[in-house]
Structures are given as structure tokens and as C-alpha cells.
Amino acid sequence: MDALLRRIAHATLIVFMMTGVVSAQTPPLGAHLKGDKPSRTKEQKDYDKSLDRAYQSTIKKIPEAEKKSDPWGDIRPTPPPSVKQ
């Protein structure tokens, strides 16, 4: 009788643990999934394009560094000059 009671308790525990895992995988009520978003209006799309153009023009105004910086340059030893034969 004691073994049967123990098996029932273990089976009940397993069922409770499995339902917890399953409920963790489902989205809560009222949560919006990725596909639930309404499509953007034409004005919003135009605004996004103007923001992108402004960003790209600002990026083009930043001058390129003539010499690329080497963050490890102070730590790394300089290689010996190669000898030409």
C-alpha cells in the first residue's frame, strides 16, 4: 500500500511539473505577438525614410580617420623589420 501511495504521489508531481512547463510556453492573455502589429501608414513610412536619409547624410559628414587606430598597438610589440636580400 505504501508503494502505491508513493507512485501516485510521484505521478501527481510529474503531472504538475509538466503543466507548469506547458503554461510557461504559451503567451499570456492580451500579449501581442510579432504578427499582430498593425501595418504602418504611408505617413509613418515616409517619416521613417526621411529619418534614414537624414541619418545617412549625417554619417557621410563625419570625416574618416586618416590612420586607422589600433587599440592593441600599445600592448603588442612591433614586429622586427624584415631584412631584404
N, C-alpha and C. Protein backbone atom coordinates (compact mmCIF):
# COMPACT_ATOMS: atom_id res chain seq x y z
N MET A 1 0.82 -1.19 0.00
CA MET A 1 0.00 0.00 0.00
C MET A 1 0.86 1.26 0.00
N ASP A 2 1.96 1.20 0.75
CA ASP A 2 2.86 2.35 0.84
C ASP A 2 3.51 2.64 -0.52
N ALA A 3 3.87 1.58 -1.27
CA ALA A 3 4.50 1.75 -2.59
C ALA A 3 3.50 2.36 -3.58
N LEU A 4 2.24 1.96 -3.50
CA LEU A 4 1.21 2.51 -4.38
C LEU A 4 0.99 3.99 -4.10
N LEU A 5 0.97 4.36 -2.84
CA LEU A 5 0.80 5.75 -2.46
C LEU A 5 1.98 6.59 -2.95
N ARG A 6 3.17 6.05 -2.86
CA ARG A 6 4.36 6.75 -3.32
C ARG A 6 4.33 6.94 -4.83
N ARG A 7 3.90 5.92 -5.56
CA ARG A 7 3.80 6.03 -7.03
C ARG A 7 2.78 7.09 -7.44
N ILE A 8 1.65 7.12 -6.73
CA ILE A 8 0.63 8.11 -7.03
C ILE A 8 1.16 9.52 -6.75
N ALA A 9 1.89 9.69 -5.67
CA ALA A 9 2.45 10.99 -5.33
C ALA A 9 3.47 11.42 -6.39
N HIS A 10 4.31 10.50 -6.83
CA HIS A 10 5.30 10.81 -7.87
C HIS A 10 4.61 11.16 -9.19
N ALA A 11 3.60 10.39 -9.56
CA ALA A 11 2.88 10.66 -10.80
C ALA A 11 2.21 12.03 -10.75
N THR A 12 1.63 12.36 -9.61
CA THR A 12 0.97 13.66 -9.44
C THR A 12 2.00 14.80 -9.55
N LEU A 13 3.15 14.61 -8.94
CA LEU A 13 4.21 15.61 -9.02
C LEU A 13 4.66 15.82 -10.46
N ILE A 14 4.83 14.74 -11.20
CA ILE A 14 5.26 14.83 -12.60
C ILE A 14 4.22 15.58 -13.42
N VAL A 15 2.95 15.28 -13.21
CA VAL A 15 1.89 15.96 -13.96
C VAL A 15 1.88 17.45 -13.64
N PHE A 16 2.03 17.83 -12.38
CA PHE A 16 2.07 19.24 -12.01
C PHE A 16 3.27 19.94 -12.63
N MET A 17 4.41 19.28 -12.65
CA MET A 17 5.60 19.89 -13.23
C MET A 17 5.44 20.07 -14.73
N MET A 18 4.82 19.11 -15.40
CA MET A 18 4.63 19.22 -16.84
C MET A 18 3.66 20.34 -17.19
N THR A 19 2.61 20.53 -16.41
CA THR A 19 1.68 21.61 -16.71
C THR A 19 2.32 22.96 -16.49
N GLY A 20 3.24 23.06 -15.55
CA GLY A 20 3.97 24.32 -15.36
C GLY A 20 4.83 24.64 -16.56
N VAL A 21 5.47 23.64 -17.13
CA VAL A 21 6.32 23.85 -18.29
C VAL A 21 5.48 24.26 -19.49
N VAL A 22 4.35 23.61 -19.69
CA VAL A 22 3.48 23.92 -20.82
C VAL A 22 2.91 25.32 -20.70
N SER A 23 2.51 25.71 -19.51
CA SER A 23 1.93 27.05 -19.35
C SER A 23 2.99 28.13 -19.52
N ALA A 24 4.25 27.83 -19.28
CA ALA A 24 5.31 28.81 -19.47
C ALA A 24 5.59 29.05 -20.95
N GLN A 25 5.20 28.13 -21.80
CA GLN A 25 5.47 28.27 -23.22
C GLN A 25 4.38 29.04 -23.96
N THR A 26 3.23 29.21 -23.37
CA THR A 26 2.15 29.92 -24.03
C THR A 26 2.20 31.39 -23.63
N PRO A 27 1.91 32.31 -24.56
CA PRO A 27 1.94 33.73 -24.21
C PRO A 27 0.76 34.08 -23.30
N PRO A 28 0.95 35.03 -22.40
CA PRO A 28 -0.15 35.42 -21.53
C PRO A 28 -1.27 36.09 -22.32
N LEU A 29 -2.45 36.10 -21.75
CA LEU A 29 -3.59 36.71 -22.41
C LEU A 29 -3.36 38.21 -22.58
N GLY A 30 -3.71 38.73 -23.74
CA GLY A 30 -3.54 40.14 -24.00
C GLY A 30 -2.17 40.50 -24.54
N ALA A 31 -1.28 39.53 -24.63
CA ALA A 31 0.06 39.82 -25.16
C ALA A 31 0.00 39.87 -26.68
N HIS A 32 0.73 40.79 -27.27
CA HIS A 32 0.74 40.93 -28.72
C HIS A 32 1.94 40.18 -29.28
N LEU A 33 1.68 39.36 -30.24
CA LEU A 33 2.74 38.63 -30.91
C LEU A 33 3.28 39.47 -32.06
N LYS A 34 4.37 39.06 -32.65
CA LYS A 34 5.03 39.84 -33.70
C LYS A 34 4.10 40.10 -34.88
N GLY A 35 3.32 39.13 -35.28
CA GLY A 35 2.45 39.29 -36.43
C GLY A 35 1.19 40.09 -36.15
N ASP A 36 0.95 40.43 -34.88
CA ASP A 36 -0.28 41.13 -34.51
C ASP A 36 -0.20 42.64 -34.72
N LYS A 37 0.99 43.18 -35.03
CA LYS A 37 1.13 44.62 -35.16
C LYS A 37 0.37 45.11 -36.39
N PRO A 38 -0.30 46.23 -36.25
CA PRO A 38 -0.96 46.79 -37.43
C PRO A 38 0.09 47.33 -38.39
N SER A 39 -0.22 47.31 -39.67
CA SER A 39 0.75 47.79 -40.66
C SER A 39 0.92 49.30 -40.52
N ARG A 40 2.09 49.78 -40.89
CA ARG A 40 2.40 51.20 -40.77
C ARG A 40 1.71 51.98 -41.88
N THR A 41 1.30 53.19 -41.56
CA THR A 41 0.63 54.03 -42.55
C THR A 41 1.66 54.63 -43.50
N LYS A 42 1.18 55.23 -44.58
CA LYS A 42 2.08 55.84 -45.57
C LYS A 42 2.87 56.98 -44.94
N GLU A 43 2.23 57.76 -44.07
CA GLU A 43 2.92 58.87 -43.41
C GLU A 43 4.05 58.36 -42.52
N GLN A 44 3.79 57.27 -41.81
CA GLN A 44 4.83 56.70 -40.95
C GLN A 44 6.00 56.17 -41.77
N LYS A 45 5.70 55.54 -42.90
CA LYS A 45 6.76 55.03 -43.76
C LYS A 45 7.59 56.16 -44.35
N ASP A 46 6.91 57.26 -44.76
CA ASP A 46 7.63 58.42 -45.29
C ASP A 46 8.51 59.05 -44.22
N TYR A 47 7.99 59.11 -43.00
CA TYR A 47 8.77 59.65 -41.89
C TYR A 47 10.02 58.80 -41.63
N ASP A 48 9.85 57.47 -41.68
CA ASP A 48 10.99 56.57 -41.50
C ASP A 48 12.04 56.79 -42.58
N LYS A 49 11.60 56.97 -43.82
CA LYS A 49 12.54 57.20 -44.92
C LYS A 49 13.28 58.51 -44.73
N SER A 50 12.57 59.56 -44.30
CA SER A 50 13.24 60.85 -44.10
C SER A 50 14.25 60.77 -42.96
N LEU A 51 13.91 60.03 -41.90
CA LEU A 51 14.86 59.83 -40.81
C LEU A 51 16.10 59.08 -41.29
N ASP A 52 15.90 58.07 -42.11
CA ASP A 52 17.01 57.29 -42.63
C ASP A 52 17.91 58.15 -43.52
N ARG A 53 17.29 58.97 -44.37
CA ARG A 53 18.09 59.86 -45.23
C ARG A 53 18.89 60.86 -44.40
N ALA A 54 18.27 61.41 -43.37
CA ALA A 54 18.97 62.37 -42.50
C ALA A 54 20.13 61.68 -41.78
N TYR A 55 19.92 60.47 -41.35
CA TYR A 55 20.99 59.71 -40.67
C TYR A 55 22.14 59.45 -41.63
N GLN A 56 21.82 59.00 -42.84
CA GLN A 56 22.87 58.70 -43.81
C GLN A 56 23.65 59.95 -44.18
N SER A 57 22.98 61.08 -44.34
CA SER A 57 23.69 62.31 -44.69
C SER A 57 24.58 62.77 -43.53
N THR A 58 24.14 62.57 -42.31
CA THR A 58 24.96 62.93 -41.16
C THR A 58 26.19 62.04 -41.06
N ILE A 59 26.02 60.77 -41.34
CA ILE A 59 27.13 59.83 -41.29
C ILE A 59 28.17 60.19 -42.35
N LYS A 60 27.73 60.62 -43.52
CA LYS A 60 28.66 60.98 -44.59
C LYS A 60 29.47 62.23 -44.24
N LYS A 61 28.96 63.08 -43.37
CA LYS A 61 29.66 64.30 -42.99
C LYS A 61 30.82 64.03 -42.03
N ILE A 62 30.81 62.90 -41.35
CA ILE A 62 31.87 62.57 -40.39
C ILE A 62 33.13 62.21 -41.17
N PRO A 63 34.24 62.90 -40.90
CA PRO A 63 35.45 62.60 -41.67
C PRO A 63 36.04 61.25 -41.25
N GLU A 64 36.58 60.56 -42.23
CA GLU A 64 37.24 59.28 -41.96
C GLU A 64 38.59 59.56 -41.32
N ALA A 65 38.98 58.75 -40.42
CA ALA A 65 40.30 58.89 -39.81
C ALA A 65 41.34 58.48 -40.85
N GLU A 66 42.39 59.30 -40.98
CA GLU A 66 43.41 59.01 -41.98
C GLU A 66 44.14 57.72 -41.64
N LYS A 67 44.42 57.52 -40.39
CA LYS A 67 45.10 56.31 -39.96
C LYS A 67 44.14 55.56 -39.06
N LYS A 68 43.89 54.33 -39.38
CA LYS A 68 43.00 53.53 -38.55
C LYS A 68 43.68 53.29 -37.21
N SER A 69 42.94 53.48 -36.16
CA SER A 69 43.52 53.30 -34.83
C SER A 69 43.61 51.81 -34.51
N ASP A 70 44.65 51.47 -33.79
CA ASP A 70 44.87 50.09 -33.37
C ASP A 70 44.78 50.06 -31.85
N PRO A 71 43.67 49.55 -31.30
CA PRO A 71 43.51 49.59 -29.85
C PRO A 71 44.55 48.74 -29.12
N TRP A 72 45.15 47.77 -29.79
CA TRP A 72 46.16 46.93 -29.16
C TRP A 72 47.57 47.39 -29.52
N GLY A 73 47.71 48.51 -30.17
CA GLY A 73 49.01 48.98 -30.64
C GLY A 73 50.02 49.21 -29.53
N ASP A 74 49.56 49.71 -28.38
CA ASP A 74 50.48 49.97 -27.27
C ASP A 74 50.88 48.69 -26.54
N ILE A 75 50.08 47.68 -26.64
CA ILE A 75 50.33 46.44 -25.91
C ILE A 75 51.17 45.47 -26.74
N ARG A 76 50.85 45.38 -28.00
CA ARG A 76 51.52 44.45 -28.90
C ARG A 76 52.92 44.97 -29.26
N PRO A 77 53.94 44.13 -29.21
CA PRO A 77 55.27 44.60 -29.61
C PRO A 77 55.32 44.78 -31.13
N THR A 78 56.12 45.74 -31.57
CA THR A 78 56.24 45.97 -33.01
C THR A 78 57.09 44.85 -33.62
N PRO A 79 56.68 44.36 -34.75
CA PRO A 79 57.47 43.27 -35.36
C PRO A 79 58.79 43.80 -35.87
N PRO A 80 59.84 42.97 -35.82
CA PRO A 80 61.14 43.42 -36.32
C PRO A 80 61.07 43.65 -37.82
N PRO A 81 61.84 44.63 -38.32
CA PRO A 81 61.80 44.89 -39.76
C PRO A 81 62.37 43.70 -40.52
N SER A 82 61.74 43.42 -41.65
CA SER A 82 62.22 42.28 -42.45
C SER A 82 63.48 42.68 -43.21
N VAL A 83 64.39 41.75 -43.33
CA VAL A 83 65.66 42.00 -43.99
C VAL A 83 65.51 41.64 -45.46
N LYS A 84 65.83 42.58 -46.35
CA LYS A 84 65.78 42.29 -47.79
C LYS A 84 67.11 41.75 -48.23
N GLN A 85 67.09 40.72 -49.03
CA GLN A 85 68.34 40.12 -49.50
C GLN A 85 68.57 40.41 -50.94
